[in-house]
């Protein structure tokens, strides 16, 4: 992914890819099902974060890691920090791949023991 990202930066249209990722994040965060207990959902450009509602929030909470472990079984890498799960896809990702990631993340959130 690192080499593919460098190639994306060499493409004069790389900012369009940033915009695509940002738009998909915005759409998917907005449309997350209300059945999922979320404390917050946020985005900064191509980085999206979902903060899960828990009795004990913070960096020592293991819920995010449990969700990351489930996603890892499907070869999906997310960054858990306590009860927050971050998605930072590479710029070489396609729109359909990004929607697939979000579909899997949403399933993992729905089945998590929140």
Protein backbone atom coordinates (compact mmCIF):
# COMPACT_ATOMS: atom_id res chain seq x y z
CA UNK A 1 0.00 0.00 0.00
CA UNK A 2 2.90 2.37 0.67
CA UNK A 3 4.21 2.19 -2.92
CA UNK A 4 0.67 2.52 -4.27
CA UNK A 5 0.16 5.61 -2.11
CA UNK A 6 3.35 7.18 -3.46
CA UNK A 7 2.06 6.55 -6.97
CA UNK A 8 -1.20 8.27 -6.02
CA UNK A 9 0.72 11.35 -4.87
CA UNK A 10 2.51 11.48 -8.22
CA UNK A 11 -0.85 11.52 -9.98
CA UNK A 12 -1.94 15.14 -10.59
CA UNK A 13 -5.49 14.15 -9.58
CA UNK A 14 -4.55 12.80 -6.14
CA UNK A 15 -6.64 15.45 -4.38
CA UNK A 16 -9.70 13.99 -6.09
CA UNK A 17 -8.93 10.72 -4.28
CA UNK A 18 -8.76 12.56 -0.96
CA UNK A 19 -12.12 14.13 -1.73
CA UNK A 20 -13.60 10.73 -2.65
CA UNK A 21 -12.44 9.12 0.60
CA UNK A 22 -13.64 12.10 2.63
CA UNK A 23 -17.06 12.03 0.96
CA UNK A 24 -17.54 8.30 1.53
CA UNK A 25 -16.53 8.69 5.18
CA UNK A 26 -18.98 11.57 5.62
CA UNK A 27 -21.81 9.60 4.02
CA UNK A 28 -21.17 6.38 5.92
CA UNK A 29 -20.70 8.11 9.28
CA UNK A 30 -23.93 10.03 8.77
CA UNK A 31 -25.81 6.85 7.86
CA UNK A 32 -24.56 4.61 10.67
CA UNK A 33 -27.55 2.81 12.08
CA UNK A 34 -28.98 4.26 15.27
CA UNK A 35 -29.11 0.74 16.73
CA UNK A 36 -25.36 0.99 17.27
CA UNK A 37 -24.54 2.57 20.63
CA UNK A 38 -22.16 5.37 19.68
CA UNK A 39 -20.85 8.13 21.90
CA UNK A 40 -19.54 10.05 18.89
CA UNK A 41 -18.56 9.77 15.24
CA UNK A 42 -16.11 12.17 13.66
CA UNK A 43 -13.92 12.78 10.68
CA UNK A 44 -10.86 14.78 9.71
CA UNK A 45 -10.34 14.58 5.94
CA UNK A 46 -9.52 10.91 5.16
CA UNK A 47 -9.53 9.76 8.79
CA UNK A 48 -12.81 8.60 10.30
CA UNK A 49 -13.42 7.68 13.93
CA UNK A 50 -16.26 5.93 15.72
CA UNK A 51 -16.39 6.27 19.50
CA UNK A 52 -18.36 3.47 21.09
CA UNK A 53 -20.66 4.05 24.04
CA UNK A 54 -19.32 2.16 27.05
CA UNK A 55 -19.57 2.35 30.82
CA UNK A 56 -15.82 2.88 31.06
CA UNK A 57 -14.58 4.96 28.11
CA UNK A 58 -10.91 5.72 27.61
CA UNK A 59 -7.66 4.27 26.32
CA UNK A 60 -7.73 1.27 28.65
CA UNK A 61 -11.09 0.06 27.34
CA UNK A 62 -10.74 -3.12 25.26
CA UNK A 63 -13.87 -2.80 23.12
CA UNK A 64 -12.10 -1.12 20.20
CA UNK A 65 -9.42 -3.80 20.22
CA UNK A 66 -12.05 -6.56 20.18
CA UNK A 67 -13.68 -4.96 17.14
CA UNK A 68 -10.28 -4.52 15.47
CA UNK A 69 -9.49 -8.20 16.13
CA UNK A 70 -12.74 -9.27 14.45
CA UNK A 71 -12.03 -7.07 11.44
CA UNK A 72 -8.45 -8.32 11.25
CA UNK A 73 -9.83 -11.82 10.64
CA UNK A 74 -11.25 -10.35 7.41
CA UNK A 75 -7.92 -8.67 6.55
CA UNK A 76 -9.25 -5.25 7.51
CA UNK A 77 -6.91 -3.07 9.51
CA UNK A 78 -8.36 -0.37 11.74
CA UNK A 79 -6.68 1.52 14.58
CA UNK A 80 -8.30 0.99 17.98
CA UNK A 81 -7.59 3.39 20.83
CA UNK A 82 -9.66 2.33 23.80
CA UNK A 83 -13.31 2.60 22.85
CA UNK A 84 -12.54 4.51 19.62
CA UNK A 85 -11.97 2.80 16.27
CA UNK A 86 -10.16 4.79 13.56
CA UNK A 87 -10.25 4.09 9.84
CA UNK A 88 -7.38 5.54 7.79
CA UNK A 89 -7.53 3.95 4.34
CA UNK A 90 -4.68 4.30 1.85
CA UNK A 91 -5.22 6.73 -1.00
CA UNK A 92 -5.00 3.87 -3.50
CA UNK A 93 -8.32 2.44 -2.24
CA UNK A 94 -11.25 2.30 -4.64
CA UNK A 95 -14.71 3.56 -3.79
CA UNK A 96 -16.16 0.04 -3.80
CA UNK A 97 -13.37 -1.20 -1.52
CA UNK A 98 -14.04 1.66 0.90
CA UNK A 99 -17.75 0.87 1.00
CA UNK A 100 -16.86 -2.77 1.65
CA UNK A 101 -14.71 -1.68 4.61
CA UNK A 102 -17.57 0.37 5.99
CA UNK A 103 -20.01 -2.53 5.52
CA UNK A 104 -17.72 -4.79 7.53
CA UNK A 105 -17.11 -2.16 10.20
CA UNK A 106 -20.83 -1.62 10.60
CA UNK A 107 -21.41 -5.38 10.95
CA UNK A 108 -18.65 -5.61 13.55
CA UNK A 109 -20.14 -2.70 15.49
CA UNK A 110 -23.60 -4.26 15.41
CA UNK A 111 -22.40 -7.61 16.71
CA UNK A 112 -20.02 -6.18 19.34
CA UNK A 113 -20.98 -6.64 22.97
CA UNK A 114 -21.52 -2.96 23.69
